Amino acid sequence: MEACVTSMWLNDPSIEPIERIQRGLSERLYSALELQRMGQTREKGKEVEAQILEVAKSYGWAIEGRKVGGVRRPWIPPS
């Protein structure tokens, strides 16, 4: 179910290309933070997070918590 919501959010045809990039980076940031939380892949998560920060910086976007340029991945409540 979570993958369906995320896929719909990432592939929304009504958004502009810049927001699509922000959404993609936001999803990658979420994934990187999840890798770090799992512990076994903490270094990989930190590496991916650094890449995301670099891309966001190149566009002049701020990273605030889990928001990339003001865009945050949708929250899917536990079922």
Protein backbone atom coordinates (compact mmCIF):
# COMPACT_ATOMS: atom_id res chain seq x y z
CA MET A 1 0.00 0.00 0.00
CA GLU A 2 2.78 2.41 0.90
CA ALA A 3 4.47 1.86 -2.47
CA CYS A 4 1.21 2.70 -4.29
CA VAL A 5 0.78 6.01 -2.44
CA THR A 6 4.42 6.93 -3.01
CA SER A 7 4.28 5.97 -6.68
CA MET A 8 1.15 8.04 -7.22
CA TRP A 9 2.78 11.02 -5.46
CA LEU A 10 6.01 10.74 -7.48
CA ASN A 11 4.23 10.32 -10.83
CA ASP A 12 1.51 12.96 -10.48
CA PRO A 13 1.14 14.32 -14.05
CA SER A 14 -0.01 17.75 -12.84
CA ILE A 15 3.27 18.79 -11.18
CA GLU A 16 6.06 20.81 -12.76
CA PRO A 17 9.47 19.21 -13.49
CA ILE A 18 11.16 21.11 -10.63
CA GLU A 19 8.69 19.75 -8.09
CA ARG A 20 9.14 16.27 -9.57
CA ILE A 21 12.88 16.54 -8.87
CA GLN A 22 12.18 17.78 -5.34
CA ARG A 23 9.80 14.90 -4.72
CA GLY A 24 12.33 12.40 -6.02
CA LEU A 25 15.04 13.82 -3.76
CA SER A 26 12.62 13.82 -0.83
CA GLU A 27 11.90 10.13 -1.42
CA ARG A 28 15.64 9.37 -1.65
CA LEU A 29 16.23 11.33 1.56
CA TYR A 30 13.55 9.28 3.33
CA SER A 31 15.19 6.10 2.08
CA ALA A 32 18.65 7.26 3.22
CA LEU A 33 17.33 8.07 6.68
CA GLU A 34 15.66 4.65 6.86
CA LEU A 35 18.97 2.98 5.92
CA GLN A 36 20.68 4.90 8.73
CA ARG A 37 17.94 3.94 11.18
CA MET A 38 18.42 0.24 10.38
CA GLY A 39 22.02 0.51 11.53
CA GLN A 40 23.56 -2.22 9.36
CA THR A 41 23.67 0.09 6.35
CA ARG A 42 24.27 3.35 8.22
CA GLU A 43 27.31 4.31 6.12
CA LYS A 44 25.45 3.80 2.84
CA GLY A 45 22.59 5.92 4.16
CA LYS A 46 24.96 8.73 5.11
CA GLU A 47 26.58 8.54 1.67
CA VAL A 48 23.21 8.83 -0.10
CA GLU A 49 22.15 11.66 2.22
CA ALA A 50 25.33 13.58 1.34
CA GLN A 51 24.60 13.14 -2.39
CA ILE A 52 21.06 14.47 -1.91
CA LEU A 53 22.32 17.47 0.04
CA GLU A 54 24.79 18.25 -2.75
CA VAL A 55 22.11 18.12 -5.46
CA ALA A 56 19.71 20.25 -3.41
CA LYS A 57 22.50 22.75 -2.76
CA SER A 58 23.28 22.95 -6.49
CA TYR A 59 19.63 23.99 -7.11
CA GLY A 60 19.68 26.42 -4.17
CA TRP A 61 17.09 24.40 -2.22
CA ALA A 62 17.13 24.14 1.55
CA ILE A 63 16.87 20.81 3.32
CA GLU A 64 14.73 21.21 6.42
CA GLY A 65 14.28 17.96 8.28
CA ARG A 66 12.88 15.70 5.59
CA LYS A 67 11.76 18.52 3.29
CA VAL A 68 13.63 19.26 0.08
CA GLY A 69 12.90 22.77 -1.16
CA GLY A 70 9.69 22.77 0.87
CA VAL A 71 8.50 19.39 -0.48
CA ARG A 72 8.11 16.45 1.88
CA ARG A 73 7.25 12.86 1.16
CA PRO A 74 3.64 12.03 2.10
CA TRP A 75 3.18 10.41 5.47
CA ILE A 76 1.51 7.03 5.30
CA PRO A 77 0.00 6.09 8.67
CA PRO A 78 0.49 2.56 9.98
CA SER A 79 -2.41 0.30 9.20
